[in-house]
Amino acid sequence: MRMKKILALLAIVVLIIGGCSMKKETLTKEQQDNVVKRIVRGYNIKSIEFISFSRDNKTGMYHLVYVINNNEQYKTGLSLKEISRFNNSEDGIGMSPTNIFDSFKRKEPLEELDEELKKINIIYLKE
């Protein structure tokens, strides 16, 4: 009987630890805004909807999927090795396939983003 209690207690501890370590990672609103800034710098878009965010446990890569201009044809994504790279709003992002997204590409990257960002409809990840 004592052994059953010990095993039950051990099982509970393992489940609690396992549950804590499986906490789903997500991006903050600020990190998603950073992605928008990076895209808008190089592309003329009207809207962006963030669809999903995940981490591949085998490769360690973080994958963000989004739809541009409310059109499934413009569904693409961004893959980064470190989640901290989503904290950067300065770098540009190249969207692919290029034959689809070249029509949105700006001739010159924007330096001032504030006015352009006000025009964009952003749908953030669901929590």
C-alpha atoms as a PDB file:
ATOM      1  CA  MET A   1       0.000   0.000   0.000  1.00  0.00           C
ATOM      2  CA  ARG A   2       2.831   2.386   0.886  1.00  0.00           C
ATOM      3  CA  MET A   3       4.516   1.642  -2.451  1.00  0.00           C
ATOM      4  CA  LYS A   4       1.320   2.563  -4.356  1.00  0.00           C
ATOM      5  CA  LYS A   5       1.201   5.945  -2.596  1.00  0.00           C
ATOM      6  CA  ILE A   6       4.839   6.634  -3.460  1.00  0.00           C
ATOM      7  CA  LEU A   7       4.277   5.672  -7.100  1.00  0.00           C
ATOM      8  CA  ALA A   8       1.127   7.799  -7.289  1.00  0.00           C
ATOM      9  CA  LEU A   9       2.947  10.786  -5.797  1.00  0.00           C
ATOM     10  CA  LEU A  10       5.849  10.298  -8.197  1.00  0.00           C
ATOM     11  CA  ALA A  11       3.444  10.144 -11.156  1.00  0.00           C
ATOM     12  CA  ILE A  12       1.777  13.396 -10.072  1.00  0.00           C
ATOM     13  CA  VAL A  13       5.140  15.152  -9.781  1.00  0.00           C
ATOM     14  CA  VAL A  14       6.182  13.938 -13.248  1.00  0.00           C
ATOM     15  CA  LEU A  15       2.888  15.131 -14.767  1.00  0.00           C
ATOM     16  CA  ILE A  16       3.184  18.559 -13.153  1.00  0.00           C
ATOM     17  CA  ILE A  17       6.772  19.010 -14.319  1.00  0.00           C
ATOM     18  CA  GLY A  18       5.876  17.769 -17.807  1.00  0.00           C
ATOM     19  CA  GLY A  19       2.900  20.107 -18.021  1.00  0.00           C
ATOM     20  CA  CYS A  20       4.978  23.115 -17.007  1.00  0.00           C
ATOM     21  CA  SER A  21       7.663  22.366 -19.557  1.00  0.00           C
ATOM     22  CA  MET A  22       5.077  22.042 -22.355  1.00  0.00           C
ATOM     23  CA  LYS A  23       3.900  25.646 -21.972  1.00  0.00           C
ATOM     24  CA  LYS A  24       3.072  26.886 -25.459  1.00  0.00           C
ATOM     25  CA  GLU A  25       5.281  29.726 -26.629  1.00  0.00           C
ATOM     26  CA  THR A  26       3.707  32.684 -28.348  1.00  0.00           C
ATOM     27  CA  LEU A  27       4.639  36.121 -29.601  1.00  0.00           C
ATOM     28  CA  THR A  28       3.720  39.319 -27.810  1.00  0.00           C
ATOM     29  CA  LYS A  29       1.734  42.036 -29.565  1.00  0.00           C
ATOM     30  CA  GLU A  30       4.933  44.107 -29.657  1.00  0.00           C
ATOM     31  CA  GLN A  31       6.849  41.289 -31.377  1.00  0.00           C
ATOM     32  CA  GLN A  32       4.065  40.948 -33.948  1.00  0.00           C
ATOM     33  CA  ASP A  33       4.181  44.722 -34.487  1.00  0.00           C
ATOM     34  CA  ASN A  34       7.921  44.377 -35.104  1.00  0.00           C
ATOM     35  CA  VAL A  35       7.220  41.855 -37.864  1.00  0.00           C
ATOM     36  CA  VAL A  36       4.703  44.270 -39.417  1.00  0.00           C
ATOM     37  CA  LYS A  37       7.271  47.100 -39.334  1.00  0.00           C
ATOM     38  CA  ARG A  38       9.865  44.903 -40.994  1.00  0.00           C
ATOM     39  CA  ILE A  39       7.424  43.927 -43.754  1.00  0.00           C
ATOM     40  CA  VAL A  40       6.032  47.446 -44.309  1.00  0.00           C
ATOM     41  CA  ARG A  41       9.542  48.816 -44.666  1.00  0.00           C
ATOM     42  CA  GLY A  42       9.922  46.829 -47.902  1.00  0.00           C
ATOM     43  CA  TYR A  43       6.373  46.071 -49.065  1.00  0.00           C
ATOM     44  CA  ASN A  44       3.185  48.049 -49.711  1.00  0.00           C
ATOM     45  CA  ILE A  45       0.480  46.087 -47.874  1.00  0.00           C
ATOM     46  CA  LYS A  46      -3.031  46.889 -46.634  1.00  0.00           C
ATOM     47  CA  SER A  47      -3.500  44.188 -43.995  1.00  0.00           C
ATOM     48  CA  ILE A  48      -1.825  41.314 -42.223  1.00  0.00           C
ATOM     49  CA  GLU A  49      -3.388  38.479 -40.255  1.00  0.00           C
ATOM     50  CA  PHE A  50      -1.141  36.376 -38.061  1.00  0.00           C
ATOM     51  CA  ILE A  51      -2.328  32.766 -38.361  1.00  0.00           C
ATOM     52  CA  SER A  52      -0.004  30.619 -36.265  1.00  0.00           C
ATOM     53  CA  PHE A  53       3.242  30.551 -34.336  1.00  0.00           C
ATOM     54  CA  SER A  54       5.105  27.357 -33.476  1.00  0.00           C
ATOM     55  CA  ARG A  55       8.494  25.918 -32.630  1.00  0.00           C
ATOM     56  CA  ASP A  56       9.917  22.862 -34.365  1.00  0.00           C
ATOM     57  CA  ASN A  57      11.440  20.776 -31.576  1.00  0.00           C
ATOM     58  CA  LYS A  58      13.710  18.908 -33.988  1.00  0.00           C
ATOM     59  CA  THR A  59      15.322  21.955 -35.599  1.00  0.00           C
ATOM     60  CA  GLY A  60      14.672  24.546 -32.894  1.00  0.00           C
ATOM     61  CA  MET A  61      13.272  26.951 -35.506  1.00  0.00           C
ATOM     62  CA  TYR A  62      10.366  29.277 -34.749  1.00  0.00           C
ATOM     63  CA  HIS A  63       7.752  29.569 -37.506  1.00  0.00           C
ATOM     64  CA  LEU A  64       5.273  32.417 -37.902  1.00  0.00           C
ATOM     65  CA  VAL A  65       2.566  32.121 -40.576  1.00  0.00           C
ATOM     66  CA  TYR A  66       0.580  35.122 -41.787  1.00  0.00           C
ATOM     67  CA  VAL A  67      -1.749  36.229 -44.607  1.00  0.00           C
ATOM     68  CA  ILE A  68      -1.224  39.500 -46.459  1.00  0.00           C
ATOM     69  CA  ASN A  69      -4.114  41.642 -47.757  1.00  0.00           C
ATOM     70  CA  ASN A  70      -6.779  39.195 -46.599  1.00  0.00           C
ATOM     71  CA  ASN A  71      -6.022  36.814 -49.474  1.00  0.00           C
ATOM     72  CA  GLU A  72      -5.040  33.158 -48.925  1.00  0.00           C
ATOM     73  CA  GLN A  73      -2.937  33.365 -52.094  1.00  0.00           C
ATOM     74  CA  TYR A  74      -0.680  35.691 -50.098  1.00  0.00           C
ATOM     75  CA  LYS A  75      -0.153  33.288 -47.214  1.00  0.00           C
ATOM     76  CA  THR A  76       3.507  33.079 -46.263  1.00  0.00           C
ATOM     77  CA  GLY A  77       5.693  32.943 -43.207  1.00  0.00           C
ATOM     78  CA  LEU A  78       8.873  33.713 -41.392  1.00  0.00           C
ATOM     79  CA  SER A  79      11.256  31.202 -39.797  1.00  0.00           C
ATOM     80  CA  LEU A  80      13.886  32.262 -37.280  1.00  0.00           C
ATOM     81  CA  LYS A  81      16.336  30.310 -35.142  1.00  0.00           C
ATOM     82  CA  GLU A  82      15.991  32.510 -32.049  1.00  0.00           C
ATOM     83  CA  ILE A  83      12.749  33.919 -30.657  1.00  0.00           C
ATOM     84  CA  SER A  84      14.643  37.050 -29.617  1.00  0.00           C
ATOM     85  CA  ARG A  85      14.949  37.979 -33.322  1.00  0.00           C
ATOM     86  CA  PHE A  86      11.244  38.914 -33.190  1.00  0.00           C
ATOM     87  CA  ASN A  87      12.263  41.772 -30.853  1.00  0.00           C
ATOM     88  CA  ASN A  88      13.956  43.523 -33.788  1.00  0.00           C
ATOM     89  CA  SER A  89      11.914  45.990 -35.836  1.00  0.00           C
ATOM     90  CA  GLU A  90      14.799  47.338 -37.919  1.00  0.00           C
ATOM     91  CA  ASP A  91      15.704  44.535 -40.326  1.00  0.00           C
ATOM     92  CA  GLY A  92      13.822  43.996 -43.544  1.00  0.00           C
ATOM     93  CA  ILE A  93      11.933  40.840 -44.444  1.00  0.00           C
ATOM     94  CA  GLY A  94      11.901  39.320 -47.901  1.00  0.00           C
ATOM     95  CA  MET A  95       8.651  37.543 -48.705  1.00  0.00           C
ATOM     96  CA  SER A  96       8.469  34.523 -50.932  1.00  0.00           C
ATOM     97  CA  PRO A  97       7.559  33.231 -53.401  1.00  0.00           C
ATOM     98  CA  THR A  98       8.992  36.348 -54.982  1.00  0.00           C
ATOM     99  CA  ASN A  99       6.931  36.029 -58.169  1.00  0.00           C
ATOM    100  CA  ILE A 100       3.807  36.623 -56.054  1.00  0.00           C
ATOM    101  CA  PHE A 101       5.102  39.284 -53.659  1.00  0.00           C
ATOM    102  CA  ASP A 102       7.178  41.336 -56.111  1.00  0.00           C
ATOM    103  CA  SER A 103       4.040  43.291 -57.027  1.00  0.00           C
ATOM    104  CA  PHE A 104       3.925  44.616 -53.420  1.00  0.00           C
ATOM    105  CA  LYS A 105       7.636  45.356 -53.182  1.00  0.00           C
ATOM    106  CA  ARG A 106       8.628  48.993 -52.732  1.00  0.00           C
ATOM    107  CA  LYS A 107      11.218  50.474 -55.079  1.00  0.00           C
ATOM    108  CA  GLU A 108      13.005  51.929 -52.038  1.00  0.00           C
ATOM    109  CA  PRO A 109      12.598  50.822 -48.405  1.00  0.00           C
ATOM    110  CA  LEU A 110      10.617  53.234 -46.228  1.00  0.00           C
ATOM    111  CA  GLU A 111      12.576  55.195 -43.656  1.00  0.00           C
ATOM    112  CA  GLU A 112       9.562  56.678 -41.846  1.00  0.00           C
ATOM    113  CA  LEU A 113       6.913  54.078 -40.988  1.00  0.00           C
ATOM    114  CA  ASP A 114       4.457  55.847 -38.658  1.00  0.00           C
ATOM    115  CA  GLU A 115       1.971  57.125 -41.254  1.00  0.00           C
ATOM    116  CA  GLU A 116       2.059  53.907 -43.268  1.00  0.00           C
ATOM    117  CA  LEU A 117       1.491  51.729 -40.175  1.00  0.00           C
ATOM    118  CA  LYS A 118      -1.702  53.668 -39.318  1.00  0.00           C
ATOM    119  CA  LYS A 119      -3.242  52.488 -42.617  1.00  0.00           C
ATOM    120  CA  ILE A 120      -2.634  48.773 -42.023  1.00  0.00           C
ATOM    121  CA  ASN A 121      -5.236  46.462 -40.518  1.00  0.00           C
ATOM    122  CA  ILE A 122      -3.475  44.034 -38.163  1.00  0.00           C
ATOM    123  CA  ILE A 123      -5.097  40.862 -36.816  1.00  0.00           C
ATOM    124  CA  TYR A 124      -2.954  39.447 -34.036  1.00  0.00           C
ATOM    125  CA  LEU A 125      -2.454  35.838 -32.974  1.00  0.00           C
ATOM    126  CA  LYS A 126      -5.177  34.404 -30.777  1.00  0.00           C
ATOM    127  CA  GLU A 127      -3.973  33.604 -27.279  1.00  0.00           C
END
